[in-house]
Amino acid sequence: MEHVAGAEEFHRFETSKMGVWVFLFSEILLFGGLFAAYAVFRSLFFEEFHRDHLQLDVTLGAINTVVLLCSSLTVALAVAAIQRGKTRLLQINLALTILLGIVFLVNKYFEYSAKFSHDIFPSTSSFFSIYFVMTGLHGLHVLGGLVALGLALVLAVRGRFSPTNYIMVEGTALYWHLVDLVWIYLFPLLYLVA
């Protein structure tokens, strides 16, 4: 009977893991389409892209890059902590990841506010159309990741995770890494080489 329960747990774990990877693949396709649109728009409006990207705050973009890279580290440390059965360390690293995600969104709020105060909107130019769509969609994914991380933190505080039961933590971490990876591509494309 114990063998059957173990086999069912393993099957549930593997099925959940497969579901996470299918979801991540669909997200890659979504952002892949946006990156393709960026390439087309950039080739059609090269001068405009070059001119308009100079209005972006490279320092703020770089700070956000460092913030997200640090958040990738803390979420990886969260997974490593629960694998070793260190639930308090899991909670600390999840909380740090959430804090860093909030810092990213606050920085993005200030960046958007500065653009709006200078009458720069999505309809201003092709560059800003693609800029606001790509960074806005990315911001929504950060927000979704924060919700998932918050839920994982609540469950961690309630003692729901263990070294043999942490698929939600791992799945959330994989999603967060994808969000970070997308930004690693967005930052140079929009802020540095446009």
N, C-alpha and C. Protein backbone atom coordinates (compact mmCIF):
# COMPACT_ATOMS: atom_id res chain seq x y z
N MET A 1 0.82 -1.19 0.00
CA MET A 1 0.00 0.00 0.00
C MET A 1 0.87 1.26 0.00
N GLU A 2 1.96 1.21 0.77
CA GLU A 2 2.88 2.35 0.83
C GLU A 2 3.52 2.59 -0.53
N HIS A 3 3.83 1.51 -1.25
CA HIS A 3 4.44 1.61 -2.57
C HIS A 3 3.48 2.31 -3.54
N VAL A 4 2.18 1.99 -3.47
CA VAL A 4 1.17 2.60 -4.34
C VAL A 4 1.05 4.09 -4.04
N ALA A 5 1.03 4.44 -2.75
CA ALA A 5 0.94 5.86 -2.37
C ALA A 5 2.16 6.62 -2.88
N GLY A 6 3.33 6.02 -2.77
CA GLY A 6 4.56 6.66 -3.27
C GLY A 6 4.53 6.84 -4.78
N ALA A 7 4.00 5.84 -5.48
CA ALA A 7 3.89 5.93 -6.94
C ALA A 7 2.91 7.02 -7.35
N GLU A 8 1.80 7.14 -6.61
CA GLU A 8 0.81 8.18 -6.90
C GLU A 8 1.40 9.57 -6.65
N GLU A 9 2.16 9.72 -5.57
CA GLU A 9 2.80 11.00 -5.25
C GLU A 9 3.81 11.38 -6.34
N PHE A 10 4.59 10.40 -6.79
CA PHE A 10 5.56 10.66 -7.85
C PHE A 10 4.85 11.07 -9.14
N HIS A 11 3.75 10.39 -9.47
CA HIS A 11 2.99 10.71 -10.68
C HIS A 11 2.41 12.12 -10.59
N ARG A 12 1.87 12.48 -9.43
CA ARG A 12 1.32 13.83 -9.22
C ARG A 12 2.41 14.89 -9.37
N PHE A 13 3.57 14.60 -8.80
CA PHE A 13 4.71 15.52 -8.88
C PHE A 13 5.13 15.72 -10.34
N GLU A 14 5.28 14.63 -11.08
CA GLU A 14 5.71 14.71 -12.48
C GLU A 14 4.66 15.39 -13.35
N THR A 15 3.38 15.12 -13.10
CA THR A 15 2.29 15.76 -13.86
C THR A 15 2.28 17.27 -13.60
N SER A 16 2.45 17.65 -12.34
CA SER A 16 2.49 19.08 -11.99
C SER A 16 3.67 19.76 -12.66
N LYS A 17 4.80 19.09 -12.66
CA LYS A 17 6.00 19.64 -13.27
C LYS A 17 5.79 19.82 -14.78
N MET A 18 5.18 18.85 -15.43
CA MET A 18 4.90 18.94 -16.87
C MET A 18 3.96 20.11 -17.15
N GLY A 19 2.95 20.29 -16.30
CA GLY A 19 2.02 21.40 -16.47
C GLY A 19 2.73 22.74 -16.38
N VAL A 20 3.66 22.87 -15.45
CA VAL A 20 4.44 24.11 -15.31
C VAL A 20 5.24 24.37 -16.58
N TRP A 21 5.88 23.34 -17.11
CA TRP A 21 6.70 23.52 -18.32
C TRP A 21 5.85 23.87 -19.54
N VAL A 22 4.66 23.29 -19.66
CA VAL A 22 3.75 23.64 -20.77
C VAL A 22 3.34 25.10 -20.67
N PHE A 23 3.00 25.53 -19.45
CA PHE A 23 2.63 26.93 -19.24
C PHE A 23 3.80 27.85 -19.59
N LEU A 24 5.01 27.51 -19.12
CA LEU A 24 6.18 28.35 -19.42
C LEU A 24 6.45 28.41 -20.92
N PHE A 25 6.25 27.30 -21.60
CA PHE A 25 6.45 27.28 -23.05
C PHE A 25 5.47 28.22 -23.74
N SER A 26 4.22 28.26 -23.28
CA SER A 26 3.24 29.17 -23.88
C SER A 26 3.64 30.62 -23.64
N GLU A 27 4.21 30.90 -22.49
CA GLU A 27 4.70 32.26 -22.19
C GLU A 27 5.87 32.62 -23.09
N ILE A 28 6.74 31.67 -23.35
CA ILE A 28 7.87 31.90 -24.25
C ILE A 28 7.36 32.22 -25.65
N LEU A 29 6.34 31.51 -26.09
CA LEU A 29 5.75 31.80 -27.40
C LEU A 29 5.16 33.20 -27.45
N LEU A 30 4.47 33.60 -26.38
CA LEU A 30 3.89 34.94 -26.32
C LEU A 30 4.96 36.01 -26.45
N PHE A 31 5.99 35.92 -25.63
CA PHE A 31 7.04 36.94 -25.68
C PHE A 31 7.89 36.80 -26.94
N GLY A 32 8.03 35.58 -27.45
CA GLY A 32 8.73 35.39 -28.72
C GLY A 32 8.04 36.15 -29.84
N GLY A 33 6.70 36.10 -29.86
CA GLY A 33 5.94 36.86 -30.85
C GLY A 33 6.18 38.36 -30.70
N LEU A 34 6.24 38.83 -29.45
CA LEU A 34 6.50 40.26 -29.22
C LEU A 34 7.91 40.65 -29.65
N PHE A 35 8.87 39.78 -29.42
CA PHE A 35 10.24 40.07 -29.86
C PHE A 35 10.32 40.10 -31.39
N ALA A 36 9.55 39.23 -32.04
CA ALA A 36 9.50 39.25 -33.51
C ALA A 36 8.86 40.55 -33.99
N ALA A 37 7.79 40.98 -33.33
CA ALA A 37 7.16 42.26 -33.69
C ALA A 37 8.13 43.41 -33.49
N TYR A 38 8.89 43.36 -32.42
CA TYR A 38 9.91 44.39 -32.18
C TYR A 38 10.89 44.44 -33.35
N ALA A 39 11.37 43.29 -33.78
CA ALA A 39 12.34 43.24 -34.89
C ALA A 39 11.75 43.83 -36.17
N VAL A 40 10.50 43.52 -36.45
CA VAL A 40 9.85 44.06 -37.65
C VAL A 40 9.70 45.57 -37.54
N PHE A 41 9.19 46.05 -36.42
CA PHE A 41 9.01 47.49 -36.23
C PHE A 41 10.34 48.23 -36.28
N ARG A 42 11.35 47.64 -35.67
CA ARG A 42 12.68 48.29 -35.66
C ARG A 42 13.24 48.40 -37.08
N SER A 43 13.03 47.37 -37.88
CA SER A 43 13.54 47.43 -39.26
C SER A 43 12.77 48.44 -40.10
N LEU A 44 11.48 48.61 -39.81
CA LEU A 44 10.66 49.56 -40.57
C LEU A 44 10.86 51.01 -40.12
N PHE A 45 11.12 51.20 -38.84
CA PHE A 45 11.23 52.55 -38.27
C PHE A 45 12.56 52.72 -37.54
N PHE A 46 13.64 52.39 -38.20
CA PHE A 46 14.95 52.37 -37.56
C PHE A 46 15.33 53.71 -36.95
N GLU A 47 15.19 54.79 -37.71
CA GLU A 47 15.57 56.12 -37.22
C GLU A 47 14.73 56.52 -36.01
N GLU A 48 13.43 56.25 -36.09
CA GLU A 48 12.53 56.58 -34.99
C GLU A 48 12.91 55.79 -33.73
N PHE A 49 13.21 54.51 -33.89
CA PHE A 49 13.61 53.69 -32.75
C PHE A 49 14.88 54.25 -32.12
N HIS A 50 15.83 54.60 -32.96
CA HIS A 50 17.10 55.13 -32.46
C HIS A 50 16.88 56.44 -31.71
N ARG A 51 16.06 57.31 -32.25
CA ARG A 51 15.79 58.62 -31.64
C ARG A 51 15.03 58.45 -30.32
N ASP A 52 13.96 57.66 -30.35
CA ASP A 52 13.07 57.59 -29.19
C ASP A 52 13.65 56.80 -28.02
N HIS A 53 14.49 55.81 -28.30
CA HIS A 53 15.03 55.04 -27.17
C HIS A 53 15.94 55.90 -26.29
N LEU A 54 16.44 57.00 -26.84
CA LEU A 54 17.29 57.90 -26.05
C LEU A 54 16.51 58.59 -24.94
N GLN A 55 15.18 58.55 -25.01
CA GLN A 55 14.34 59.18 -23.98
C GLN A 55 14.08 58.24 -22.79
N LEU A 56 14.59 57.03 -22.87
CA LEU A 56 14.43 56.09 -21.76
C LEU A 56 15.53 56.33 -20.72
N ASP A 57 15.22 56.03 -19.48
CA ASP A 57 16.16 56.19 -18.38
C ASP A 57 16.98 54.90 -18.24
N VAL A 58 18.17 54.91 -18.82
CA VAL A 58 19.02 53.71 -18.81
C VAL A 58 19.41 53.33 -17.38
N THR A 59 19.65 54.32 -16.53
CA THR A 59 20.03 54.03 -15.15
C THR A 59 18.92 53.28 -14.43
N LEU A 60 17.69 53.76 -14.58
CA LEU A 60 16.55 53.09 -13.93
C LEU A 60 16.36 51.69 -14.51
N GLY A 61 16.54 51.54 -15.81
CA GLY A 61 16.45 50.22 -16.43
C GLY A 61 17.53 49.28 -15.91
N ALA A 62 18.74 49.81 -15.73
CA ALA A 62 19.85 49.00 -15.21
C ALA A 62 19.59 48.61 -13.76
N ILE A 63 19.07 49.55 -12.97
CA ILE A 63 18.73 49.24 -11.58
C ILE A 63 17.69 48.12 -11.53
N ASN A 64 16.68 48.21 -12.39
CA ASN A 64 15.65 47.17 -12.43
C ASN A 64 16.24 45.83 -12.85
N THR A 65 17.24 45.86 -13.72
CA THR A 65 17.90 44.61 -14.12
C THR A 65 18.60 43.97 -12.93
N VAL A 66 19.33 44.78 -12.17
CA VAL A 66 20.02 44.26 -10.98
C VAL A 66 19.00 43.74 -9.96
N VAL A 67 17.90 44.48 -9.79
CA VAL A 67 16.85 44.06 -8.84
C VAL A 67 16.31 42.69 -9.23
N LEU A 68 16.00 42.50 -10.51
CA LEU A 68 15.44 41.21 -10.94
C LEU A 68 16.48 40.09 -10.87
N LEU A 69 17.74 40.40 -11.17
CA LEU A 69 18.77 39.37 -11.04
C LEU A 69 18.91 38.93 -9.58
N CYS A 70 18.85 39.89 -8.66
CA CYS A 70 18.90 39.55 -7.23
C CYS A 70 17.69 38.72 -6.83
N SER A 71 16.53 39.05 -7.41
CA SER A 71 15.32 38.29 -7.09
C SER A 71 15.40 36.86 -7.62
N SER A 72 16.10 36.67 -8.74
CA SER A 72 16.31 35.31 -9.25
C SER A 72 17.16 34.51 -8.27
N LEU A 73 18.15 35.18 -7.70
CA LEU A 73 18.99 34.51 -6.70
C LEU A 73 18.17 34.13 -5.47
N THR A 74 17.37 35.07 -4.96
CA THR A 74 16.62 34.77 -3.73
C THR A 74 15.58 33.67 -3.95
N VAL A 75 14.95 33.64 -5.13
CA VAL A 75 13.96 32.58 -5.36
C VAL A 75 14.66 31.23 -5.54
N ALA A 76 15.86 31.23 -6.13
CA ALA A 76 16.63 29.98 -6.23
C ALA A 76 17.05 29.50 -4.84
N LEU A 77 17.42 30.44 -3.99
CA LEU A 77 17.78 30.09 -2.61
C LEU A 77 16.56 29.56 -1.84
N ALA A 78 15.37 30.06 -2.18
CA ALA A 78 14.15 29.56 -1.55
C ALA A 78 13.94 28.08 -1.89
N VAL A 79 14.11 27.73 -3.16
CA VAL A 79 13.95 26.34 -3.58
C VAL A 79 15.00 25.46 -2.90
N ALA A 80 16.25 25.94 -2.89
CA ALA A 80 17.32 25.17 -2.25
C ALA A 80 17.04 24.98 -0.76
N ALA A 81 16.46 26.00 -0.12
CA ALA A 81 16.16 25.90 1.31
C ALA A 81 15.15 24.81 1.60
N ILE A 82 14.05 24.78 0.84
CA ILE A 82 13.02 23.77 1.13
C ILE A 82 13.51 22.37 0.76
N GLN A 83 14.38 22.27 -0.22
CA GLN A 83 14.94 20.96 -0.55
C GLN A 83 15.76 20.41 0.60
N ARG A 84 16.33 21.31 1.40
CA ARG A 84 17.11 20.90 2.57
C ARG A 84 16.27 20.91 3.85
N GLY A 85 14.96 21.21 3.71
CA GLY A 85 14.08 21.19 4.87
C GLY A 85 14.17 22.42 5.74
N LYS A 86 14.71 23.50 5.24
CA LYS A 86 14.88 24.73 6.02
C LYS A 86 13.72 25.68 5.70
N THR A 87 12.61 25.48 6.39
CA THR A 87 11.39 26.24 6.07
C THR A 87 11.52 27.72 6.42
N ARG A 88 12.24 28.05 7.49
CA ARG A 88 12.41 29.47 7.85
C ARG A 88 13.21 30.19 6.76
N LEU A 89 14.24 29.55 6.25
CA LEU A 89 15.04 30.14 5.18
C LEU A 89 14.21 30.26 3.90
N LEU A 90 13.34 29.29 3.65
CA LEU A 90 12.40 29.37 2.53
C LEU A 90 11.55 30.63 2.66
N GLN A 91 10.97 30.84 3.82
CA GLN A 91 10.10 31.99 4.04
C GLN A 91 10.85 33.31 3.85
N ILE A 92 12.06 33.38 4.37
CA ILE A 92 12.86 34.61 4.25
C ILE A 92 13.15 34.91 2.79
N ASN A 93 13.55 33.89 2.04
CA ASN A 93 13.90 34.12 0.63
C ASN A 93 12.68 34.42 -0.23
N LEU A 94 11.55 33.81 0.07
CA LEU A 94 10.32 34.16 -0.65
C LEU A 94 9.95 35.61 -0.36
N ALA A 95 10.06 36.04 0.90
CA ALA A 95 9.74 37.42 1.26
C ALA A 95 10.69 38.39 0.57
N LEU A 96 11.97 38.06 0.50
CA LEU A 96 12.94 38.92 -0.18
C LEU A 96 12.63 39.02 -1.68
N THR A 97 12.24 37.90 -2.27
CA THR A 97 11.89 37.91 -3.70
C THR A 97 10.68 38.80 -3.95
N ILE A 98 9.69 38.70 -3.07
CA ILE A 98 8.50 39.55 -3.19
C ILE A 98 8.90 41.02 -3.05
N LEU A 99 9.73 41.33 -2.08
CA LEU A 99 10.17 42.71 -1.87
C LEU A 99 10.88 43.24 -3.11
N LEU A 100 11.76 42.45 -3.69
CA LEU A 100 12.49 42.88 -4.89
C LEU A 100 11.54 43.06 -6.08
N GLY A 101 10.55 42.19 -6.20
CA GLY A 101 9.55 42.35 -7.26
C GLY A 101 8.77 43.64 -7.10
N ILE A 102 8.44 43.99 -5.87
CA ILE A 102 7.73 45.25 -5.61
C ILE A 102 8.62 46.44 -5.95
N VAL A 103 9.90 46.36 -5.61
CA VAL A 103 10.84 47.43 -5.96
C VAL A 103 10.87 47.61 -7.48
N PHE A 104 10.89 46.51 -8.22
CA PHE A 104 10.87 46.59 -9.69
C PHE A 104 9.63 47.35 -10.17
N LEU A 105 8.46 46.98 -9.64
CA LEU A 105 7.21 47.61 -10.09
C LEU A 105 7.14 49.08 -9.69
N VAL A 106 7.64 49.41 -8.52
CA VAL A 106 7.66 50.83 -8.09
C VAL A 106 8.56 51.63 -9.02
N ASN A 107 9.74 51.10 -9.35
CA ASN A 107 10.63 51.78 -10.31
C ASN A 107 9.95 51.95 -11.66
N LYS A 108 9.24 50.93 -12.10
CA LYS A 108 8.54 51.00 -13.39
C LYS A 108 7.43 52.05 -13.33
N TYR A 109 6.74 52.14 -12.19
CA TYR A 109 5.72 53.18 -12.01
C TYR A 109 6.32 54.57 -12.18
N PHE A 110 7.46 54.80 -11.53
CA PHE A 110 8.11 56.12 -11.65
C PHE A 110 8.56 56.38 -13.09
N GLU A 111 9.04 55.34 -13.74
CA GLU A 111 9.47 55.50 -15.14
C GLU A 111 8.28 55.84 -16.04
N TYR A 112 7.19 55.11 -15.88
CA TYR A 112 5.99 55.41 -16.67
C TYR A 112 5.46 56.81 -16.36
N SER A 113 5.44 57.18 -15.08
CA SER A 113 4.95 58.51 -14.69
C SER A 113 5.76 59.61 -15.35
N ALA A 114 7.08 59.42 -15.41
CA ALA A 114 7.93 60.42 -16.05
C ALA A 114 7.60 60.53 -17.54
N LYS A 115 7.35 59.40 -18.18
CA LYS A 115 7.00 59.43 -19.61
C LYS A 115 5.67 60.17 -19.81
N PHE A 116 4.68 59.83 -19.00
CA PHE A 116 3.36 60.47 -19.14
C PHE A 116 3.43 61.96 -18.87
N SER A 117 4.27 62.37 -17.90
CA SER A 117 4.38 63.80 -17.59
C SER A 117 5.05 64.57 -18.72
N HIS A 118 5.79 63.88 -19.57
CA HIS A 118 6.41 64.50 -20.75
C HIS A 118 5.60 64.23 -22.03
N ASP A 119 4.32 63.87 -21.84
CA ASP A 119 3.41 63.60 -22.96
C ASP A 119 3.91 62.50 -23.89
N ILE A 120 4.50 61.48 -23.30
CA ILE A 120 4.93 60.31 -24.06
C ILE A 120 3.98 59.17 -23.71
N PHE A 121 3.22 58.73 -24.70
CA PHE A 121 2.21 57.70 -24.53
C PHE A 121 2.43 56.61 -25.57
N PRO A 122 1.70 55.48 -25.46
CA PRO A 122 1.85 54.43 -26.48
C PRO A 122 1.59 54.92 -27.90
N SER A 123 0.74 55.93 -28.04
CA SER A 123 0.43 56.43 -29.39
C SER A 123 1.44 57.46 -29.89
N THR A 124 2.45 57.78 -29.09
CA THR A 124 3.43 58.80 -29.47
C THR A 124 4.23 58.39 -30.70
N SER A 125 4.65 57.13 -30.74
CA SER A 125 5.46 56.65 -31.87
C SER A 125 5.43 55.13 -31.89
N SER A 126 5.96 54.57 -32.96
CA SER A 126 6.03 53.10 -33.07
C SER A 126 6.90 52.53 -31.96
N PHE A 127 8.00 53.22 -31.67
CA PHE A 127 8.88 52.74 -30.60
C PHE A 127 8.15 52.68 -29.28
N PHE A 128 7.46 53.77 -28.93
CA PHE A 128 6.78 53.79 -27.64
C PHE A 128 5.56 52.86 -27.63
N SER A 129 4.97 52.59 -28.77
CA SER A 129 3.91 51.59 -28.82
C SER A 129 4.45 50.23 -28.39
N ILE A 130 5.56 49.82 -28.99
CA ILE A 130 6.12 48.51 -28.67
C ILE A 130 6.73 48.52 -27.27
N TYR A 131 7.31 49.64 -26.86
CA TYR A 131 7.89 49.77 -25.52
C TYR A 131 6.82 49.56 -24.45
N PHE A 132 5.71 50.28 -24.57
CA PHE A 132 4.66 50.17 -23.55
C PHE A 132 3.98 48.80 -23.57
N VAL A 133 3.80 48.22 -24.74
CA VAL A 133 3.18 46.89 -24.81
C VAL A 133 4.10 45.86 -24.16
N MET A 134 5.37 45.87 -24.54
CA MET A 134 6.29 44.85 -24.03
C MET A 134 6.56 45.02 -22.54
N THR A 135 6.85 46.23 -22.09
CA THR A 135 7.14 46.43 -20.67
C THR A 135 5.88 46.34 -19.83
N GLY A 136 4.74 46.77 -20.38
CA GLY A 136 3.48 46.65 -19.65
C GLY A 136 3.08 45.20 -19.44
N LEU A 137 3.21 44.40 -20.51
CA LEU A 137 2.89 42.98 -20.39
C LEU A 137 3.87 42.29 -19.44
N HIS A 138 5.12 42.68 -19.51
CA HIS A 138 6.10 42.13 -18.58
C HIS A 138 5.74 42.51 -17.15
N GLY A 139 5.32 43.76 -16.94
CA GLY A 139 4.92 44.20 -15.61
C GLY A 139 3.74 43.40 -15.07
N LEU A 140 2.79 43.08 -15.95
CA LEU A 140 1.66 42.24 -15.53
C LEU A 140 2.14 40.85 -15.13
N HIS A 141 3.15 40.35 -15.83
CA HIS A 141 3.70 39.04 -15.46
C HIS A 141 4.44 39.11 -14.12
N VAL A 142 5.12 40.23 -13.86
CA VAL A 142 5.75 40.41 -12.56
C VAL A 142 4.68 40.42 -11.47
N LEU A 143 3.59 41.13 -11.72
CA LEU A 143 2.49 41.19 -10.75
C LEU A 143 1.91 39.79 -10.51
N GLY A 144 1.70 39.03 -11.58
CA GLY A 144 1.22 37.66 -11.43
C GLY A 144 2.19 36.80 -10.63
N GLY A 145 3.48 37.00 -10.89
CA GLY A 145 4.50 36.27 -10.14
C GLY A 145 4.47 36.62 -8.66
N LEU A 146 4.23 37.90 -8.37
CA LEU A 146 4.15 38.33 -6.97
C LEU A 146 2.96 37.69 -6.26
N VAL A 147 1.85 37.55 -6.96
CA VAL A 147 0.69 36.88 -6.38
C VAL A 147 1.03 35.43 -6.07
N ALA A 148 1.66 34.75 -7.02
CA ALA A 148 2.04 33.34 -6.81
C ALA A 148 3.06 33.21 -5.68
N LEU A 149 4.03 34.12 -5.64
CA LEU A 149 5.02 34.09 -4.56
C LEU A 149 4.37 34.36 -3.21
N GLY A 150 3.41 35.29 -3.19
CA GLY A 150 2.69 35.58 -1.95
C GLY A 150 1.92 34.37 -1.44
N LEU A 151 1.27 33.67 -2.36
CA LEU A 151 0.54 32.45 -1.99
C LEU A 151 1.52 31.39 -1.47
N ALA A 152 2.66 31.25 -2.15
CA ALA A 152 3.67 30.29 -1.70
C ALA A 152 4.18 30.65 -0.31
N LEU A 153 4.35 31.95 -0.05
CA LEU A 153 4.82 32.39 1.27
C LEU A 153 3.79 32.06 2.35
N VAL A 154 2.51 32.32 2.07
CA VAL A 154 1.45 31.99 3.03
C VAL A 154 1.45 30.49 3.32
N LEU A 155 1.56 29.68 2.28
CA LEU A 155 1.57 28.23 2.47
C LEU A 155 2.84 27.78 3.22
N ALA A 156 3.95 28.46 2.94
CA ALA A 156 5.19 28.12 3.65
C ALA A 156 5.07 28.42 5.13
N VAL A 157 4.47 29.55 5.47
CA VAL A 157 4.26 29.91 6.87
C VAL A 157 3.34 28.88 7.55
N ARG A 158 2.39 28.34 6.81
CA ARG A 158 1.48 27.32 7.36
C ARG A 158 2.09 25.92 7.37
N GLY A 159 3.34 25.82 6.92
CA GLY A 159 4.03 24.54 6.98
C GLY A 159 3.62 23.53 5.94
N ARG A 160 3.17 24.00 4.79
CA ARG A 160 2.67 23.09 3.75
C ARG A 160 3.76 22.48 2.88
N PHE A 161 4.99 22.97 2.98
CA PHE A 161 6.06 22.47 2.12
C PHE A 161 7.08 21.68 2.93
N SER A 162 7.71 20.73 2.24
CA SER A 162 8.73 19.89 2.86
C SER A 162 9.73 19.47 1.78
N PRO A 163 10.81 18.81 2.15
CA PRO A 163 11.77 18.37 1.13
C PRO A 163 11.18 17.40 0.10
N THR A 164 10.04 16.80 0.41
CA THR A 164 9.40 15.89 -0.56
C THR A 164 8.15 16.51 -1.19
N ASN A 165 7.78 17.71 -0.76
CA ASN A 165 6.57 18.36 -1.28
C ASN A 165 6.82 19.85 -1.47
N TYR A 166 7.36 20.21 -2.61
CA TYR A 166 7.67 21.62 -2.86
C TYR A 166 7.43 22.01 -4.32
N ILE A 167 6.58 21.27 -5.04
CA ILE A 167 6.37 21.52 -6.46
C ILE A 167 5.86 22.94 -6.72
N MET A 168 5.02 23.46 -5.83
CA MET A 168 4.52 24.82 -6.05
C MET A 168 5.66 25.85 -5.93
N VAL A 169 6.53 25.65 -4.98
CA VAL A 169 7.67 26.56 -4.81
C VAL A 169 8.55 26.49 -6.06
N GLU A 170 8.83 25.28 -6.52
CA GLU A 170 9.68 25.11 -7.70
C GLU A 170 9.02 25.69 -8.95
N GLY A 171 7.72 25.44 -9.13
CA GLY A 171 7.01 25.97 -10.29
C GLY A 171 6.96 27.48 -10.29
N THR A 172 6.71 28.06 -9.12
CA THR A 172 6.69 29.52 -9.00
C THR A 172 8.08 30.09 -9.29
N ALA A 173 9.10 29.42 -8.80
CA ALA A 173 10.48 29.88 -9.05
C ALA A 173 10.81 29.82 -10.54
N LEU A 174 10.39 28.76 -11.22
CA LEU A 174 10.64 28.66 -12.66
C LEU A 174 9.94 29.80 -13.41
N TYR A 175 8.70 30.09 -13.02
CA TYR A 175 7.97 31.20 -13.64
C TYR A 175 8.71 32.51 -13.39
N TRP A 176 9.17 32.71 -12.16
CA TRP A 176 9.88 33.95 -11.83
C TRP A 176 11.17 34.07 -12.63
N HIS A 177 11.87 32.97 -12.81
CA HIS A 177 13.09 32.99 -13.63
C HIS A 177 12.76 33.39 -15.07
N LEU A 178 11.63 32.91 -15.60
CA LEU A 178 11.22 33.28 -16.95
C LEU A 178 10.95 34.78 -17.04
N VAL A 179 10.25 35.32 -16.05
CA VAL A 179 9.97 36.75 -16.01
C VAL A 179 11.29 37.54 -15.99
N ASP A 180 12.24 37.07 -15.20
CA ASP A 180 13.55 37.73 -15.15
C ASP A 180 14.27 37.62 -16.49
N LEU A 181 14.21 36.45 -17.10
CA LEU A 181 14.88 36.23 -18.38
C LEU A 181 14.31 37.14 -19.46
N VAL A 182 13.00 37.32 -19.48
CA VAL A 182 12.37 38.22 -20.45
C VAL A 182 12.93 39.62 -20.27
N TRP A 183 13.06 40.07 -19.02
CA TRP A 183 13.60 41.41 -18.78
C TRP A 183 15.06 41.51 -19.25
N ILE A 184 15.82 40.44 -19.09
CA ILE A 184 17.22 40.44 -19.54
C ILE A 184 17.29 40.70 -21.05
N TYR A 185 16.27 40.29 -21.80
CA TYR A 185 16.21 40.60 -23.23
C TYR A 185 15.62 41.98 -23.48
N LEU A 186 14.61 42.36 -22.70
CA LEU A 186 13.96 43.65 -22.91
C LEU A 186 14.91 44.81 -22.64
N PHE A 187 15.67 44.73 -21.57
CA PHE A 187 16.53 45.85 -21.20
C PHE A 187 17.49 46.25 -22.31
N PRO A 188 18.30 45.35 -22.83
CA PRO A 188 19.20 45.81 -23.91
C PRO A 188 18.48 46.20 -25.18
N LEU A 189 17.43 45.46 -25.54
CA LEU A 189 16.71 45.78 -26.79
C LEU A 189 16.11 47.17 -26.76
N LEU A 190 15.47 47.51 -25.66
CA LEU A 190 14.76 48.78 -25.58
C LEU A 190 15.64 49.95 -25.12
N TYR A 191 16.50 49.69 -24.15
CA TYR A 191 17.24 50.76 -23.52
C TYR A 191 18.61 51.01 -24.14
N LEU A 192 19.22 49.99 -24.72
CA LEU A 192 20.60 50.13 -25.16
C LEU A 192 20.80 50.14 -26.68
N VAL A 193 20.12 49.25 -27.40
CA VAL A 193 20.44 49.10 -28.83
C VAL A 193 19.33 49.53 -29.77
N ALA A 194 18.22 50.00 -29.27
CA ALA A 194 17.11 50.37 -30.15
C ALA A 194 17.55 51.44 -31.11
